């Protein structure tokens, strides 16, 4: 199976990326099934192709630098188009720490044993609480208390994109893309809303991914800003469902009245 590992950098040197360090430490480059794309959205270049080849110890790698800070949705779609003949894509941010040393081979084993499954995702915890996978409906998100390893079904499920493995043929079959109206907020949620319409099942991996959830510690001003952008993303996720858009708009008015945005 051909797997594409996509990592997006932003103002972080390649050797300081927890994700790329995980790839290096756990020898992901030795697996000839793997191809790596490091997309650098930093204003100044934070790596070179020779650096990355040496760091991850592979020739199967591409480095792309876009100082204009290309929208993540466009980055993901570009890679889906360019590597459409691959079997799977795994999207990572720069600060995701893989905890299983055998993660790469473990993932291949799980995929081989579950050919009917299209989505494979790690567990992301923060403060002892499971943040991903989670649930989402119109504008409201909430958490599972816990999820065991294996296949689960839920028509409301969502997830943090980082660490998620997706079967590319499934996306092509149903014409599923990342919403390029979204730059940062809501990209993951919108994607999984589209995915779960076609397939409500997903596989939870036996992997606790270390992930930066610093946004939960924002000050009041930035929390309000984030909430505003989140609701705007929810409207775009709802697309032409005017009932959902109306509910989101009413909720937005309520939050303005109580001073939350």
C-alpha atoms as a PDB file:
ATOM      1  CA  UNK A   1       0.000   0.000   0.000  1.00  0.00           C
ATOM      2  CA  UNK A   2       1.223   3.501  -0.849  1.00  0.00           C
ATOM      3  CA  UNK A   3       0.848   5.993   1.988  1.00  0.00           C
ATOM      4  CA  UNK A   4       1.326   9.749   1.745  1.00  0.00           C
ATOM      5  CA  UNK A   5       2.425  11.494   4.955  1.00  0.00           C
ATOM      6  CA  UNK A   6       1.680  15.224   4.665  1.00  0.00           C
ATOM      7  CA  UNK A   7       3.089  17.620   7.280  1.00  0.00           C
ATOM      8  CA  UNK A   8       2.455  21.385   7.252  1.00  0.00           C
ATOM      9  CA  UNK A   9       5.055  23.629   8.890  1.00  0.00           C
ATOM     10  CA  UNK A  10       4.512  27.210  10.010  1.00  0.00           C
ATOM     11  CA  UNK A  11       7.352  29.284  11.506  1.00  0.00           C
ATOM     12  CA  UNK A  12       8.934  26.114  12.885  1.00  0.00           C
ATOM     13  CA  UNK A  13      12.247  24.610  11.831  1.00  0.00           C
ATOM     14  CA  UNK A  14      11.914  21.060  10.541  1.00  0.00           C
ATOM     15  CA  UNK A  15      14.108  19.659  13.351  1.00  0.00           C
ATOM     16  CA  UNK A  16      11.876  21.326  15.979  1.00  0.00           C
ATOM     17  CA  UNK A  17       8.705  19.745  14.613  1.00  0.00           C
ATOM     18  CA  UNK A  18       7.456  17.034  16.981  1.00  0.00           C
ATOM     19  CA  UNK A  19       5.843  15.314  14.025  1.00  0.00           C
ATOM     20  CA  UNK A  20       8.950  15.157  11.860  1.00  0.00           C
ATOM     21  CA  UNK A  21      11.021  14.127  14.887  1.00  0.00           C
ATOM     22  CA  UNK A  22       8.594  11.223  15.387  1.00  0.00           C
ATOM     23  CA  UNK A  23       9.046  10.172  11.752  1.00  0.00           C
ATOM     24  CA  UNK A  24      12.812  10.344  12.174  1.00  0.00           C
ATOM     25  CA  UNK A  25      13.019   8.653  15.585  1.00  0.00           C
ATOM     26  CA  UNK A  26      10.737   5.783  14.538  1.00  0.00           C
ATOM     27  CA  UNK A  27      12.376   5.261  11.124  1.00  0.00           C
ATOM     28  CA  UNK A  28       9.297   5.870   8.975  1.00  0.00           C
ATOM     29  CA  UNK A  29      11.638   6.602   6.066  1.00  0.00           C
ATOM     30  CA  UNK A  30      12.764   2.986   5.933  1.00  0.00           C
ATOM     31  CA  UNK A  31       9.312   1.864   4.776  1.00  0.00           C
ATOM     32  CA  UNK A  32       9.276   2.095   0.964  1.00  0.00           C
ATOM     33  CA  UNK A  33       5.458   2.251   1.083  1.00  0.00           C
ATOM     34  CA  UNK A  34       5.778   5.774   2.487  1.00  0.00           C
ATOM     35  CA  UNK A  35       6.123   9.072   0.660  1.00  0.00           C
ATOM     36  CA  UNK A  36       6.467  12.362   2.548  1.00  0.00           C
ATOM     37  CA  UNK A  37       5.385  15.867   1.636  1.00  0.00           C
ATOM     38  CA  UNK A  38       6.592  18.673   3.900  1.00  0.00           C
ATOM     39  CA  UNK A  39       4.640  21.821   3.063  1.00  0.00           C
ATOM     40  CA  UNK A  40       6.240  24.916   4.560  1.00  0.00           C
ATOM     41  CA  UNK A  41       3.825  27.837   4.993  1.00  0.00           C
ATOM     42  CA  UNK A  42       6.410  29.967   6.834  1.00  0.00           C
ATOM     43  CA  UNK A  43       7.351  33.455   5.560  1.00  0.00           C
ATOM     44  CA  UNK A  44      11.004  32.343   5.532  1.00  0.00           C
ATOM     45  CA  UNK A  45      12.081  28.872   4.430  1.00  0.00           C
ATOM     46  CA  UNK A  46      12.475  26.551   7.423  1.00  0.00           C
ATOM     47  CA  UNK A  47      14.041  23.561   5.639  1.00  0.00           C
ATOM     48  CA  UNK A  48      15.673  22.351   2.445  1.00  0.00           C
ATOM     49  CA  UNK A  49      15.074  19.125   0.578  1.00  0.00           C
ATOM     50  CA  UNK A  50      18.567  17.734   1.401  1.00  0.00           C
ATOM     51  CA  UNK A  51      17.963  18.567   5.091  1.00  0.00           C
ATOM     52  CA  UNK A  52      14.727  16.610   5.093  1.00  0.00           C
ATOM     53  CA  UNK A  53      16.091  13.655   3.162  1.00  0.00           C
ATOM     54  CA  UNK A  54      18.876  13.332   5.708  1.00  0.00           C
ATOM     55  CA  UNK A  55      16.590  13.913   8.710  1.00  0.00           C
ATOM     56  CA  UNK A  56      13.909  11.358   7.777  1.00  0.00           C
ATOM     57  CA  UNK A  57      16.414   9.147   5.934  1.00  0.00           C
ATOM     58  CA  UNK A  58      14.494   8.724   2.712  1.00  0.00           C
ATOM     59  CA  UNK A  59      14.540   9.757  -0.933  1.00  0.00           C
ATOM     60  CA  UNK A  60      10.739   9.527  -1.054  1.00  0.00           C
ATOM     61  CA  UNK A  61      10.063  13.118  -0.079  1.00  0.00           C
ATOM     62  CA  UNK A  62       8.967  16.445  -1.542  1.00  0.00           C
ATOM     63  CA  UNK A  63       9.437  19.887   0.017  1.00  0.00           C
ATOM     64  CA  UNK A  64       7.143  22.768  -0.942  1.00  0.00           C
ATOM     65  CA  UNK A  65       7.551  26.305   0.392  1.00  0.00           C
ATOM     66  CA  UNK A  66       4.693  28.810   0.021  1.00  0.00           C
ATOM     67  CA  UNK A  67       5.531  31.996   1.966  1.00  0.00           C
ATOM     68  CA  UNK A  68       2.069  33.408   1.237  1.00  0.00           C
ATOM     69  CA  UNK A  69       0.692  30.886   3.789  1.00  0.00           C
ATOM     70  CA  UNK A  70      -1.542  28.808   1.540  1.00  0.00           C
ATOM     71  CA  UNK A  71      -4.906  27.796   3.049  1.00  0.00           C
ATOM     72  CA  UNK A  72      -4.743  24.320   4.566  1.00  0.00           C
ATOM     73  CA  UNK A  73      -7.782  23.242   2.561  1.00  0.00           C
ATOM     74  CA  UNK A  74      -5.917  24.087  -0.664  1.00  0.00           C
ATOM     75  CA  UNK A  75      -2.760  22.342   0.549  1.00  0.00           C
ATOM     76  CA  UNK A  76      -4.723  19.151   1.267  1.00  0.00           C
ATOM     77  CA  UNK A  77      -6.566  19.227  -2.071  1.00  0.00           C
ATOM     78  CA  UNK A  78      -3.354  19.879  -3.999  1.00  0.00           C
ATOM     79  CA  UNK A  79      -1.802  16.765  -2.491  1.00  0.00           C
ATOM     80  CA  UNK A  80      -4.924  14.671  -3.085  1.00  0.00           C
ATOM     81  CA  UNK A  81      -4.796  15.661  -6.751  1.00  0.00           C
ATOM     82  CA  UNK A  82      -1.059  15.200  -7.232  1.00  0.00           C
ATOM     83  CA  UNK A  83      -0.897  11.869  -5.413  1.00  0.00           C
ATOM     84  CA  UNK A  84      -4.290  10.513  -6.470  1.00  0.00           C
ATOM     85  CA  UNK A  85      -2.738   7.146  -7.351  1.00  0.00           C
ATOM     86  CA  UNK A  86      -1.733   6.579  -3.714  1.00  0.00           C
ATOM     87  CA  UNK A  87      -3.831   4.385  -1.424  1.00  0.00           C
ATOM     88  CA  UNK A  88      -3.916   6.534   1.730  1.00  0.00           C
ATOM     89  CA  UNK A  89      -3.223  10.064   2.878  1.00  0.00           C
ATOM     90  CA  UNK A  90      -2.254  10.955   6.450  1.00  0.00           C
ATOM     91  CA  UNK A  91      -2.407  14.635   7.372  1.00  0.00           C
ATOM     92  CA  UNK A  92      -0.341  15.936  10.282  1.00  0.00           C
ATOM     93  CA  UNK A  93       0.265  19.343  11.766  1.00  0.00           C
ATOM     94  CA  UNK A  94       3.793  20.153  12.950  1.00  0.00           C
ATOM     95  CA  UNK A  95       3.245  19.515  16.673  1.00  0.00           C
ATOM     96  CA  UNK A  96       1.787  16.016  16.775  1.00  0.00           C
ATOM     97  CA  UNK A  97       3.927  13.566  18.719  1.00  0.00           C
ATOM     98  CA  UNK A  98       3.448   9.921  17.790  1.00  0.00           C
ATOM     99  CA  UNK A  99       3.723   7.685  20.858  1.00  0.00           C
ATOM    100  CA  UNK A 100       3.826   4.182  19.333  1.00  0.00           C
ATOM    101  CA  UNK A 101       7.271   3.302  18.000  1.00  0.00           C
ATOM    102  CA  UNK A 102       5.650   0.776  15.663  1.00  0.00           C
ATOM    103  CA  UNK A 103       2.847   3.139  14.567  1.00  0.00           C
ATOM    104  CA  UNK A 104       3.608   2.940  10.836  1.00  0.00           C
ATOM    105  CA  UNK A 105       3.645  -0.860  10.635  1.00  0.00           C
ATOM    106  CA  UNK A 106       0.805  -1.153  13.159  1.00  0.00           C
ATOM    107  CA  UNK A 107      -1.323   1.091  10.933  1.00  0.00           C
ATOM    108  CA  UNK A 108      -0.592  -1.055   7.876  1.00  0.00           C
ATOM    109  CA  UNK A 109      -1.617  -4.165   9.839  1.00  0.00           C
ATOM    110  CA  UNK A 110      -4.906  -2.569  10.927  1.00  0.00           C
ATOM    111  CA  UNK A 111      -5.654  -1.401   7.379  1.00  0.00           C
ATOM    112  CA  UNK A 112      -4.970  -4.893   5.971  1.00  0.00           C
ATOM    113  CA  UNK A 113      -7.271  -6.481   8.556  1.00  0.00           C
ATOM    114  CA  UNK A 114     -10.085  -3.966   7.917  1.00  0.00           C
ATOM    115  CA  UNK A 115     -10.431  -3.543   4.140  1.00  0.00           C
ATOM    116  CA  UNK A 116     -14.001  -2.280   4.506  1.00  0.00           C
ATOM    117  CA  UNK A 117     -12.905   0.716   6.607  1.00  0.00           C
ATOM    118  CA  UNK A 118     -12.058   4.085   5.028  1.00  0.00           C
ATOM    119  CA  UNK A 119     -11.108   6.243   8.025  1.00  0.00           C
ATOM    120  CA  UNK A 120      -8.492   5.400  10.649  1.00  0.00           C
ATOM    121  CA  UNK A 121      -7.780   7.864  13.444  1.00  0.00           C
ATOM    122  CA  UNK A 122      -5.703   8.141  16.622  1.00  0.00           C
ATOM    123  CA  UNK A 123      -7.039   9.176  20.003  1.00  0.00           C
ATOM    124  CA  UNK A 124      -6.180  12.716  21.093  1.00  0.00           C
ATOM    125  CA  UNK A 125      -6.370  13.462  24.809  1.00  0.00           C
ATOM    126  CA  UNK A 126      -5.845  16.698  26.724  1.00  0.00           C
ATOM    127  CA  UNK A 127      -6.122  17.026  30.481  1.00  0.00           C
ATOM    128  CA  UNK A 128      -7.331  13.443  30.671  1.00  0.00           C
ATOM    129  CA  UNK A 129     -10.256  14.167  28.341  1.00  0.00           C
ATOM    130  CA  UNK A 130     -10.730  12.633  24.900  1.00  0.00           C
ATOM    131  CA  UNK A 131     -10.856  15.471  22.353  1.00  0.00           C
ATOM    132  CA  UNK A 132     -10.722  13.450  19.151  1.00  0.00           C
ATOM    133  CA  UNK A 133     -12.653  11.631  17.842  1.00  0.00           C
ATOM    134  CA  UNK A 134     -15.633  13.668  18.978  1.00  0.00           C
ATOM    135  CA  UNK A 135     -19.142  14.579  17.860  1.00  0.00           C
ATOM    136  CA  UNK A 136     -20.561  17.552  15.964  1.00  0.00           C
ATOM    137  CA  UNK A 137     -24.064  18.670  14.966  1.00  0.00           C
ATOM    138  CA  UNK A 138     -24.781  21.968  13.148  1.00  0.00           C
ATOM    139  CA  UNK A 139     -22.715  24.172  15.519  1.00  0.00           C
ATOM    140  CA  UNK A 140     -22.396  22.100  18.667  1.00  0.00           C
ATOM    141  CA  UNK A 141     -19.476  19.806  19.432  1.00  0.00           C
ATOM    142  CA  UNK A 142     -19.105  17.396  22.334  1.00  0.00           C
ATOM    143  CA  UNK A 143     -16.772  14.644  23.500  1.00  0.00           C
ATOM    144  CA  UNK A 144     -16.946  10.912  23.869  1.00  0.00           C
ATOM    145  CA  UNK A 145     -15.986   9.770  27.370  1.00  0.00           C
ATOM    146  CA  UNK A 146     -13.796   7.037  25.897  1.00  0.00           C
ATOM    147  CA  UNK A 147     -13.455   4.912  22.778  1.00  0.00           C
ATOM    148  CA  UNK A 148     -11.899   1.475  22.538  1.00  0.00           C
ATOM    149  CA  UNK A 149      -9.685   0.363  19.678  1.00  0.00           C
ATOM    150  CA  UNK A 150     -11.678  -0.884  16.714  1.00  0.00           C
ATOM    151  CA  UNK A 151     -14.523   0.022  14.373  1.00  0.00           C
ATOM    152  CA  UNK A 152     -17.198   2.446  15.573  1.00  0.00           C
ATOM    153  CA  UNK A 153     -20.290   3.869  13.880  1.00  0.00           C
ATOM    154  CA  UNK A 154     -21.777   7.295  14.554  1.00  0.00           C
ATOM    155  CA  UNK A 155     -23.497   9.626  12.093  1.00  0.00           C
ATOM    156  CA  UNK A 156     -22.400  12.623  14.180  1.00  0.00           C
ATOM    157  CA  UNK A 157     -18.694  11.827  14.509  1.00  0.00           C
ATOM    158  CA  UNK A 158     -15.887  14.277  13.763  1.00  0.00           C
ATOM    159  CA  UNK A 159     -12.164  14.426  14.507  1.00  0.00           C
ATOM    160  CA  UNK A 160      -9.009  16.477  14.562  1.00  0.00           C
ATOM    161  CA  UNK A 161      -7.427  15.950  11.146  1.00  0.00           C
ATOM    162  CA  UNK A 162      -3.874  15.521  12.441  1.00  0.00           C
ATOM    163  CA  UNK A 163      -2.930  11.853  12.421  1.00  0.00           C
ATOM    164  CA  UNK A 164      -6.014  10.753  10.517  1.00  0.00           C
ATOM    165  CA  UNK A 165      -5.510   8.205   7.737  1.00  0.00           C
ATOM    166  CA  UNK A 166      -8.011   8.293   4.850  1.00  0.00           C
ATOM    167  CA  UNK A 167      -8.507   5.914   1.922  1.00  0.00           C
ATOM    168  CA  UNK A 168      -8.022   8.042  -1.205  1.00  0.00           C
ATOM    169  CA  UNK A 169     -10.191   5.869  -3.490  1.00  0.00           C
ATOM    170  CA  UNK A 170     -13.109   6.449  -1.104  1.00  0.00           C
ATOM    171  CA  UNK A 171     -12.708  10.227  -1.446  1.00  0.00           C
ATOM    172  CA  UNK A 172     -12.460   9.982  -5.240  1.00  0.00           C
ATOM    173  CA  UNK A 173     -15.497   7.705  -5.480  1.00  0.00           C
ATOM    174  CA  UNK A 174     -17.718  10.189  -3.634  1.00  0.00           C
ATOM    175  CA  UNK A 175     -16.082  13.390  -4.884  1.00  0.00           C
ATOM    176  CA  UNK A 176     -15.161  14.463  -1.352  1.00  0.00           C
ATOM    177  CA  UNK A 177     -12.809  17.441  -1.154  1.00  0.00           C
ATOM    178  CA  UNK A 178     -11.677  19.887   1.510  1.00  0.00           C
ATOM    179  CA  UNK A 179     -13.768  23.067   1.476  1.00  0.00           C
ATOM    180  CA  UNK A 180     -11.531  25.783   0.009  1.00  0.00           C
ATOM    181  CA  UNK A 181     -13.817  28.520   1.348  1.00  0.00           C
ATOM    182  CA  UNK A 182     -12.256  27.659   4.706  1.00  0.00           C
ATOM    183  CA  UNK A 183      -8.718  28.836   5.447  1.00  0.00           C
ATOM    184  CA  UNK A 184      -8.063  27.472   8.947  1.00  0.00           C
ATOM    185  CA  UNK A 185     -11.099  27.080  11.204  1.00  0.00           C
ATOM    186  CA  UNK A 186     -13.657  24.380  10.460  1.00  0.00           C
ATOM    187  CA  UNK A 187     -11.702  22.530   7.752  1.00  0.00           C
ATOM    188  CA  UNK A 188     -11.611  19.268   9.720  1.00  0.00           C
ATOM    189  CA  UNK A 189     -15.248  19.506  10.809  1.00  0.00           C
ATOM    190  CA  UNK A 190     -16.519  20.274   7.306  1.00  0.00           C
ATOM    191  CA  UNK A 191     -14.503  17.389   5.879  1.00  0.00           C
ATOM    192  CA  UNK A 192     -15.889  14.855   8.343  1.00  0.00           C
ATOM    193  CA  UNK A 193     -19.442  16.140   7.857  1.00  0.00           C
ATOM    194  CA  UNK A 194     -19.045  15.243   4.167  1.00  0.00           C
ATOM    195  CA  UNK A 195     -17.345  11.914   4.920  1.00  0.00           C
ATOM    196  CA  UNK A 196     -19.927  10.689   7.409  1.00  0.00           C
ATOM    197  CA  UNK A 197     -22.776  11.284   4.934  1.00  0.00           C
ATOM    198  CA  UNK A 198     -21.208   8.529   2.834  1.00  0.00           C
ATOM    199  CA  UNK A 199     -19.785   6.337   5.602  1.00  0.00           C
ATOM    200  CA  UNK A 200     -20.584   6.649   9.300  1.00  0.00           C
ATOM    201  CA  UNK A 201     -17.986   4.099  10.398  1.00  0.00           C
ATOM    202  CA  UNK A 202     -14.426   4.824  11.491  1.00  0.00           C
ATOM    203  CA  UNK A 203     -11.578   2.895  13.093  1.00  0.00           C
ATOM    204  CA  UNK A 204     -10.101   4.117  16.374  1.00  0.00           C
ATOM    205  CA  UNK A 205      -6.418   3.257  16.571  1.00  0.00           C
ATOM    206  CA  UNK A 206      -4.545   2.135  19.656  1.00  0.00           C
ATOM    207  CA  UNK A 207      -2.472   5.338  19.573  1.00  0.00           C
ATOM    208  CA  UNK A 208      -2.631   8.358  21.868  1.00  0.00           C
ATOM    209  CA  UNK A 209      -1.328  11.140  19.702  1.00  0.00           C
ATOM    210  CA  UNK A 210       0.358  14.018  21.514  1.00  0.00           C
ATOM    211  CA  UNK A 211      -1.233  17.116  20.006  1.00  0.00           C
ATOM    212  CA  UNK A 212      -0.952  20.835  20.744  1.00  0.00           C
ATOM    213  CA  UNK A 213      -4.325  22.022  22.072  1.00  0.00           C
ATOM    214  CA  UNK A 214      -3.072  25.400  23.268  1.00  0.00           C
ATOM    215  CA  UNK A 215      -6.097  27.128  21.729  1.00  0.00           C
ATOM    216  CA  UNK A 216      -8.139  26.035  24.749  1.00  0.00           C
ATOM    217  CA  UNK A 217      -6.038  28.444  26.873  1.00  0.00           C
ATOM    218  CA  UNK A 218      -6.765  31.603  24.822  1.00  0.00           C
ATOM    219  CA  UNK A 219      -7.512  34.909  26.536  1.00  0.00           C
ATOM    220  CA  UNK A 220     -11.044  36.362  26.372  1.00  0.00           C
ATOM    221  CA  UNK A 221     -10.414  38.511  23.280  1.00  0.00           C
ATOM    222  CA  UNK A 222      -8.976  35.647  21.263  1.00  0.00           C
ATOM    223  CA  UNK A 223     -11.661  33.245  22.515  1.00  0.00           C
ATOM    224  CA  UNK A 224     -14.310  35.611  21.149  1.00  0.00           C
ATOM    225  CA  UNK A 225     -12.411  35.939  17.878  1.00  0.00           C
ATOM    226  CA  UNK A 226     -12.053  32.179  17.597  1.00  0.00           C
ATOM    227  CA  UNK A 227     -15.779  31.663  18.347  1.00  0.00           C
ATOM    228  CA  UNK A 228     -16.716  34.153  15.610  1.00  0.00           C
ATOM    229  CA  UNK A 229     -14.562  32.377  13.007  1.00  0.00           C
ATOM    230  CA  UNK A 230     -15.834  29.012  14.221  1.00  0.00           C
ATOM    231  CA  UNK A 231     -19.460  30.023  13.640  1.00  0.00           C
ATOM    232  CA  UNK A 232     -18.633  31.443  10.218  1.00  0.00           C
ATOM    233  CA  UNK A 233     -17.044  28.096   9.379  1.00  0.00           C
ATOM    234  CA  UNK A 234     -20.160  26.294  10.640  1.00  0.00           C
ATOM    235  CA  UNK A 235     -22.284  28.310   8.199  1.00  0.00           C
ATOM    236  CA  UNK A 236     -20.021  27.307   5.317  1.00  0.00           C
ATOM    237  CA  UNK A 237     -20.090  23.703   6.495  1.00  0.00           C
ATOM    238  CA  UNK A 238     -23.896  23.808   6.428  1.00  0.00           C
ATOM    239  CA  UNK A 239     -23.641  24.922   2.770  1.00  0.00           C
ATOM    240  CA  UNK A 240     -27.177  25.448   1.409  1.00  0.00           C
ATOM    241  CA  UNK A 241     -29.030  23.978   4.362  1.00  0.00           C
ATOM    242  CA  UNK A 242     -30.895  27.165   5.252  1.00  0.00           C
ATOM    243  CA  UNK A 243     -32.474  25.671   8.374  1.00  0.00           C
ATOM    244  CA  UNK A 244     -29.024  24.942   9.826  1.00  0.00           C
ATOM    245  CA  UNK A 245     -27.707  28.355   8.782  1.00  0.00           C
ATOM    246  CA  UNK A 246     -30.687  30.016  10.502  1.00  0.00           C
ATOM    247  CA  UNK A 247     -30.014  28.066  13.717  1.00  0.00           C
ATOM    248  CA  UNK A 248     -26.352  29.065  13.652  1.00  0.00           C
ATOM    249  CA  UNK A 249     -27.292  32.712  13.081  1.00  0.00           C
ATOM    250  CA  UNK A 250     -29.709  32.660  16.014  1.00  0.00           C
ATOM    251  CA  UNK A 251     -27.030  31.114  18.228  1.00  0.00           C
ATOM    252  CA  UNK A 252     -24.615  33.822  17.069  1.00  0.00           C
ATOM    253  CA  UNK A 253     -27.096  36.533  18.104  1.00  0.00           C
ATOM    254  CA  UNK A 254     -27.477  34.857  21.504  1.00  0.00           C
ATOM    255  CA  UNK A 255     -23.711  34.810  22.032  1.00  0.00           C
ATOM    256  CA  UNK A 256     -23.469  38.493  21.086  1.00  0.00           C
ATOM    257  CA  UNK A 257     -26.155  39.354  23.642  1.00  0.00           C
ATOM    258  CA  UNK A 258     -24.299  37.566  26.462  1.00  0.00           C
ATOM    259  CA  UNK A 259     -20.943  38.967  25.375  1.00  0.00           C
ATOM    260  CA  UNK A 260     -19.352  35.760  24.150  1.00  0.00           C
ATOM    261  CA  UNK A 261     -18.455  37.208  20.734  1.00  0.00           C
END
